[in-house]
Amino acid sequence: MNIVFKQSGLTILEVIFSMGIVMVGMLGVVTLLQQNIVAQNINKNSLLSAALAQETVELLRNQRDTNQRNESDNWLTGDSAGTDSDILQDGTYVISYDGTIDDTVDDFSHDGTILYLDSSDNYYIHESAGNSLTPFRRLVTVVDNTANIDITVEVRWSERGRDHDYKIDARLYDWW
């Protein structure tokens, strides 16, 4: 009596070939995840840089409005030139969230442009003492056109060996 056993299963070659196909597919998924994480980080920093640039424009608008609200003769410098109420004309400088202006800064190579995260208030400031270093640098350029001023705010940061810039332009008028 001959008994024939019918074996069903895969040969070792079929198993290796199937595992290779699965591994190639998984490699594609892992690469896609890595690229998404990098893109997410760049997008996050782009959004932060836009907010930092807009904050600077708003700080300058606030200073102009304060000068005008105090009924000063000059909407750019307030009642007394050379004080914290100044919006510097024809200058390059940095400004912190509290309106503090540092006009000793000429370009991005100056350490004064570096932004730090204030550990107690979570504000971005230009003072390093006790604060966390961020990848951002911020610089303001103002050009006085007599009836208005042109403001250019640039925020720069480096990420993964590449430099990124965000720039915003605004014009402030003596509207009072």
C-alpha atoms as a PDB file:
ATOM      1  CA  MET A   1       0.000   0.000   0.000  1.00  0.00           C
ATOM      2  CA  ASN A   2       1.468   3.307  -1.094  1.00  0.00           C
ATOM      3  CA  ILE A   3       0.538   6.286   0.978  1.00  0.00           C
ATOM      4  CA  VAL A   4       1.163   9.668  -0.579  1.00  0.00           C
ATOM      5  CA  PHE A   5       1.555  12.548   1.786  1.00  0.00           C
ATOM      6  CA  LYS A   6       0.662  15.892   0.369  1.00  0.00           C
ATOM      7  CA  GLN A   7       2.821  18.535   2.017  1.00  0.00           C
ATOM      8  CA  SER A   8       1.772  22.129   1.859  1.00  0.00           C
ATOM      9  CA  GLY A   9       4.173  24.826   2.906  1.00  0.00           C
ATOM     10  CA  LEU A  10       6.820  27.186   1.708  1.00  0.00           C
ATOM     11  CA  THR A  11      10.340  26.471   0.740  1.00  0.00           C
ATOM     12  CA  ILE A  12      13.147  28.370   2.410  1.00  0.00           C
ATOM     13  CA  LEU A  13      13.707  30.323  -0.803  1.00  0.00           C
ATOM     14  CA  GLU A  14      10.119  31.546  -0.838  1.00  0.00           C
ATOM     15  CA  VAL A  15      10.369  32.643   2.808  1.00  0.00           C
ATOM     16  CA  ILE A  16      13.586  34.608   2.195  1.00  0.00           C
ATOM     17  CA  PHE A  17      12.113  36.261  -0.881  1.00  0.00           C
ATOM     18  CA  SER A  18       8.945  37.271   1.022  1.00  0.00           C
ATOM     19  CA  MET A  19      10.956  38.686   3.925  1.00  0.00           C
ATOM     20  CA  GLY A  20      13.046  40.734   1.487  1.00  0.00           C
ATOM     21  CA  ILE A  21       9.931  42.297  -0.039  1.00  0.00           C
ATOM     22  CA  VAL A  22       8.545  43.151   3.422  1.00  0.00           C
ATOM     23  CA  MET A  23      11.864  44.689   4.509  1.00  0.00           C
ATOM     24  CA  VAL A  24      12.059  46.913   1.408  1.00  0.00           C
ATOM     25  CA  GLY A  25       8.532  48.113   2.131  1.00  0.00           C
ATOM     26  CA  MET A  26       9.379  48.830   5.789  1.00  0.00           C
ATOM     27  CA  LEU A  27      12.516  50.747   4.767  1.00  0.00           C
ATOM     28  CA  GLY A  28      10.347  53.070   2.689  1.00  0.00           C
ATOM     29  CA  VAL A  29       8.016  53.684   5.625  1.00  0.00           C
ATOM     30  CA  VAL A  30      10.908  54.430   8.015  1.00  0.00           C
ATOM     31  CA  THR A  31      12.477  56.873   5.516  1.00  0.00           C
ATOM     32  CA  LEU A  32       9.143  58.636   5.092  1.00  0.00           C
ATOM     33  CA  LEU A  33       8.744  58.974   8.870  1.00  0.00           C
ATOM     34  CA  GLN A  34      12.237  60.454   9.202  1.00  0.00           C
ATOM     35  CA  GLN A  35      11.565  63.029   6.464  1.00  0.00           C
ATOM     36  CA  ASN A  36       8.268  63.980   8.096  1.00  0.00           C
ATOM     37  CA  ILE A  37       9.988  64.597  11.437  1.00  0.00           C
ATOM     38  CA  VAL A  38      12.581  66.863   9.778  1.00  0.00           C
ATOM     39  CA  ALA A  39       9.861  68.763   7.871  1.00  0.00           C
ATOM     40  CA  GLN A  40       7.857  69.178  11.071  1.00  0.00           C
ATOM     41  CA  ASN A  41      10.853  70.748  12.827  1.00  0.00           C
ATOM     42  CA  ILE A  42      11.505  73.160   9.947  1.00  0.00           C
ATOM     43  CA  ASN A  43       7.814  74.129   9.822  1.00  0.00           C
ATOM     44  CA  LYS A  44       7.748  74.690  13.596  1.00  0.00           C
ATOM     45  CA  ASN A  45      10.772  76.994  13.429  1.00  0.00           C
ATOM     46  CA  SER A  46       9.343  78.829  10.402  1.00  0.00           C
ATOM     47  CA  LEU A  47       6.158  79.511  12.337  1.00  0.00           C
ATOM     48  CA  LEU A  48       8.122  80.661  15.386  1.00  0.00           C
ATOM     49  CA  SER A  49      10.293  82.968  13.280  1.00  0.00           C
ATOM     50  CA  ALA A  50       7.195  84.525  11.699  1.00  0.00           C
ATOM     51  CA  ALA A  51       5.741  85.146  15.156  1.00  0.00           C
ATOM     52  CA  LEU A  52       9.031  86.653  16.397  1.00  0.00           C
ATOM     53  CA  ALA A  53       9.192  89.001  13.404  1.00  0.00           C
ATOM     54  CA  GLN A  54       5.560  90.052  13.813  1.00  0.00           C
ATOM     55  CA  GLU A  55       6.122  90.592  17.540  1.00  0.00           C
ATOM     56  CA  THR A  56       8.884  93.059  16.723  1.00  0.00           C
ATOM     57  CA  VAL A  57       6.659  95.041  14.364  1.00  0.00           C
ATOM     58  CA  GLU A  58       3.930  95.112  17.017  1.00  0.00           C
ATOM     59  CA  LEU A  59       6.416  96.332  19.656  1.00  0.00           C
ATOM     60  CA  LEU A  60       7.389  99.222  17.386  1.00  0.00           C
ATOM     61  CA  ARG A  61       3.735 100.011  16.644  1.00  0.00           C
ATOM     62  CA  ASN A  62       3.037  99.987  20.368  1.00  0.00           C
ATOM     63  CA  GLN A  63       5.900 102.412  21.011  1.00  0.00           C
ATOM     64  CA  ARG A  64       4.634 104.742  18.264  1.00  0.00           C
ATOM     65  CA  ASP A  65       1.109 104.605  19.704  1.00  0.00           C
ATOM     66  CA  THR A  66       2.400 105.268  23.226  1.00  0.00           C
ATOM     67  CA  ASN A  67       4.339 108.293  22.012  1.00  0.00           C
ATOM     68  CA  GLN A  68       1.250 109.626  20.222  1.00  0.00           C
ATOM     69  CA  ARG A  69      -1.108 108.835  23.102  1.00  0.00           C
ATOM     70  CA  ASN A  70       1.127 110.828  25.436  1.00  0.00           C
ATOM     71  CA  GLU A  71       0.615 113.760  23.064  1.00  0.00           C
ATOM     72  CA  SER A  72       4.292 114.171  22.451  1.00  0.00           C
ATOM     73  CA  ASP A  73       5.564 116.417  19.708  1.00  0.00           C
ATOM     74  CA  ASN A  74       7.464 113.638  17.996  1.00  0.00           C
ATOM     75  CA  TRP A  75       5.772 110.311  17.241  1.00  0.00           C
ATOM     76  CA  LEU A  76       9.146 108.585  16.896  1.00  0.00           C
ATOM     77  CA  THR A  77      11.016 109.776  19.976  1.00  0.00           C
ATOM     78  CA  GLY A  78       8.322 110.835  22.409  1.00  0.00           C
ATOM     79  CA  ASP A  79       8.831 113.896  24.597  1.00  0.00           C
ATOM     80  CA  SER A  80      12.542 113.434  25.119  1.00  0.00           C
ATOM     81  CA  ALA A  81      14.895 111.988  22.540  1.00  0.00           C
ATOM     82  CA  GLY A  82      17.496 109.530  23.735  1.00  0.00           C
ATOM     83  CA  THR A  83      15.191 107.591  26.069  1.00  0.00           C
ATOM     84  CA  ASP A  84      13.411 104.222  25.984  1.00  0.00           C
ATOM     85  CA  SER A  85      10.514 105.843  24.119  1.00  0.00           C
ATOM     86  CA  ASP A  86      12.653 106.206  21.003  1.00  0.00           C
ATOM     87  CA  ILE A  87      11.968 104.383  17.793  1.00  0.00           C
ATOM     88  CA  LEU A  88      15.392 104.738  16.282  1.00  0.00           C
ATOM     89  CA  GLN A  89      15.425 106.292  12.862  1.00  0.00           C
ATOM     90  CA  ASP A  90      17.833 105.064  10.225  1.00  0.00           C
ATOM     91  CA  GLY A  91      19.261 102.384  12.441  1.00  0.00           C
ATOM     92  CA  THR A  92      19.831  98.709  12.956  1.00  0.00           C
ATOM     93  CA  TYR A  93      19.110  97.310  16.381  1.00  0.00           C
ATOM     94  CA  VAL A  94      17.378  94.657  18.459  1.00  0.00           C
ATOM     95  CA  ILE A  95      14.291  95.056  20.613  1.00  0.00           C
ATOM     96  CA  SER A  96      13.051  92.776  23.386  1.00  0.00           C
ATOM     97  CA  TYR A  97       9.442  91.991  24.279  1.00  0.00           C
ATOM     98  CA  ASP A  98       9.481  94.674  26.997  1.00  0.00           C
ATOM     99  CA  GLY A  99      10.466  97.364  24.473  1.00  0.00           C
ATOM    100  CA  THR A 100      14.128  97.518  25.498  1.00  0.00           C
ATOM    101  CA  ILE A 101      16.210  98.651  22.515  1.00  0.00           C
ATOM    102  CA  ASP A 102      19.880  97.849  21.945  1.00  0.00           C
ATOM    103  CA  ASP A 103      21.344 100.006  19.196  1.00  0.00           C
ATOM    104  CA  THR A 104      24.909  98.697  19.504  1.00  0.00           C
ATOM    105  CA  VAL A 105      24.095  95.868  17.093  1.00  0.00           C
ATOM    106  CA  ASP A 106      25.080  96.274  13.445  1.00  0.00           C
ATOM    107  CA  ASP A 107      24.471  92.874  11.861  1.00  0.00           C
ATOM    108  CA  PHE A 108      23.726  89.221  12.557  1.00  0.00           C
ATOM    109  CA  SER A 109      27.321  88.464  13.497  1.00  0.00           C
ATOM    110  CA  HIS A 110      26.828  90.424  16.734  1.00  0.00           C
ATOM    111  CA  ASP A 111      26.000  88.244  19.760  1.00  0.00           C
ATOM    112  CA  GLY A 112      23.287  90.730  20.734  1.00  0.00           C
ATOM    113  CA  THR A 113      21.027  89.351  17.995  1.00  0.00           C
ATOM    114  CA  ILE A 114      20.838  85.900  19.630  1.00  0.00           C
ATOM    115  CA  LEU A 115      17.460  85.115  21.154  1.00  0.00           C
ATOM    116  CA  TYR A 116      17.132  83.229  24.435  1.00  0.00           C
ATOM    117  CA  LEU A 117      14.018  81.710  25.949  1.00  0.00           C
ATOM    118  CA  ASP A 118      13.283  83.284  29.308  1.00  0.00           C
ATOM    119  CA  SER A 119      12.937  80.319  31.659  1.00  0.00           C
ATOM    120  CA  SER A 120      10.435  82.012  33.969  1.00  0.00           C
ATOM    121  CA  ASP A 121       8.091  83.778  31.504  1.00  0.00           C
ATOM    122  CA  ASN A 122       8.692  81.816  28.265  1.00  0.00           C
ATOM    123  CA  TYR A 123       9.417  85.039  26.355  1.00  0.00           C
ATOM    124  CA  TYR A 124      12.122  85.318  23.730  1.00  0.00           C
ATOM    125  CA  ILE A 125      14.681  87.873  24.879  1.00  0.00           C
ATOM    126  CA  HIS A 126      18.209  89.003  23.995  1.00  0.00           C
ATOM    127  CA  GLU A 127      19.685  88.428  27.457  1.00  0.00           C
ATOM    128  CA  SER A 128      21.589  85.206  28.104  1.00  0.00           C
ATOM    129  CA  ALA A 129      21.740  85.239  31.914  1.00  0.00           C
ATOM    130  CA  GLY A 130      19.824  82.222  33.217  1.00  0.00           C
ATOM    131  CA  ASN A 131      17.955  81.656  29.946  1.00  0.00           C
ATOM    132  CA  SER A 132      17.914  78.877  27.359  1.00  0.00           C
ATOM    133  CA  LEU A 133      19.709  79.383  24.058  1.00  0.00           C
ATOM    134  CA  THR A 134      17.513  79.158  20.942  1.00  0.00           C
ATOM    135  CA  PRO A 135      18.601  78.830  17.311  1.00  0.00           C
ATOM    136  CA  PHE A 136      17.070  82.214  16.452  1.00  0.00           C
ATOM    137  CA  ARG A 137      18.659  85.623  15.810  1.00  0.00           C
ATOM    138  CA  ARG A 138      16.561  88.772  15.269  1.00  0.00           C
ATOM    139  CA  LEU A 139      17.517  92.136  13.780  1.00  0.00           C
ATOM    140  CA  VAL A 140      15.487  95.282  13.064  1.00  0.00           C
ATOM    141  CA  THR A 141      16.355  97.863  10.422  1.00  0.00           C
ATOM    142  CA  VAL A 142      14.522 101.204  10.357  1.00  0.00           C
ATOM    143  CA  VAL A 143      14.670 103.804   7.584  1.00  0.00           C
ATOM    144  CA  ASP A 144      13.152 107.225   8.286  1.00  0.00           C
ATOM    145  CA  ASN A 145      11.258 108.662   5.303  1.00  0.00           C
ATOM    146  CA  THR A 146      10.127 111.835   7.162  1.00  0.00           C
ATOM    147  CA  ALA A 147       6.364 111.128   6.950  1.00  0.00           C
ATOM    148  CA  ASN A 148       6.786 107.420   7.725  1.00  0.00           C
ATOM    149  CA  ILE A 149       9.352 104.821   8.659  1.00  0.00           C
ATOM    150  CA  ASP A 150      10.089 101.569   6.867  1.00  0.00           C
ATOM    151  CA  ILE A 151      10.772  98.645   9.158  1.00  0.00           C
ATOM    152  CA  THR A 152      12.471  95.419   8.130  1.00  0.00           C
ATOM    153  CA  VAL A 153      12.630  92.611  10.662  1.00  0.00           C
ATOM    154  CA  GLU A 154      14.787  89.592   9.896  1.00  0.00           C
ATOM    155  CA  VAL A 155      14.852  86.368  11.888  1.00  0.00           C
ATOM    156  CA  ARG A 156      17.532  83.785  11.098  1.00  0.00           C
ATOM    157  CA  TRP A 157      18.216  80.294  12.353  1.00  0.00           C
ATOM    158  CA  SER A 158      20.308  77.290  11.404  1.00  0.00           C
ATOM    159  CA  GLU A 159      18.987  73.783  11.353  1.00  0.00           C
ATOM    160  CA  ARG A 160      20.674  70.587  10.206  1.00  0.00           C
ATOM    161  CA  GLY A 161      23.501  72.555   8.595  1.00  0.00           C
ATOM    162  CA  ARG A 162      21.195  74.838   6.583  1.00  0.00           C
ATOM    163  CA  ASP A 163      20.509  78.527   7.204  1.00  0.00           C
ATOM    164  CA  HIS A 164      16.926  79.784   7.129  1.00  0.00           C
ATOM    165  CA  ASP A 165      15.615  83.362   6.988  1.00  0.00           C
ATOM    166  CA  TYR A 166      12.278  84.986   7.624  1.00  0.00           C
ATOM    167  CA  LYS A 167      11.840  88.627   6.694  1.00  0.00           C
ATOM    168  CA  ILE A 168       8.915  90.966   7.199  1.00  0.00           C
ATOM    169  CA  ASP A 169       8.547  94.568   6.023  1.00  0.00           C
ATOM    170  CA  ALA A 170       6.194  97.144   7.487  1.00  0.00           C
ATOM    171  CA  ARG A 171       5.611 100.859   7.217  1.00  0.00           C
ATOM    172  CA  LEU A 172       4.582 103.014  10.170  1.00  0.00           C
ATOM    173  CA  TYR A 173       2.928 106.394   9.685  1.00  0.00           C
ATOM    174  CA  ASP A 174       2.329 109.386  11.908  1.00  0.00           C
ATOM    175  CA  TRP A 175      -1.392 108.748  11.821  1.00  0.00           C
ATOM    176  CA  TRP A 176      -2.453 110.663  14.915  1.00  0.00           C
END
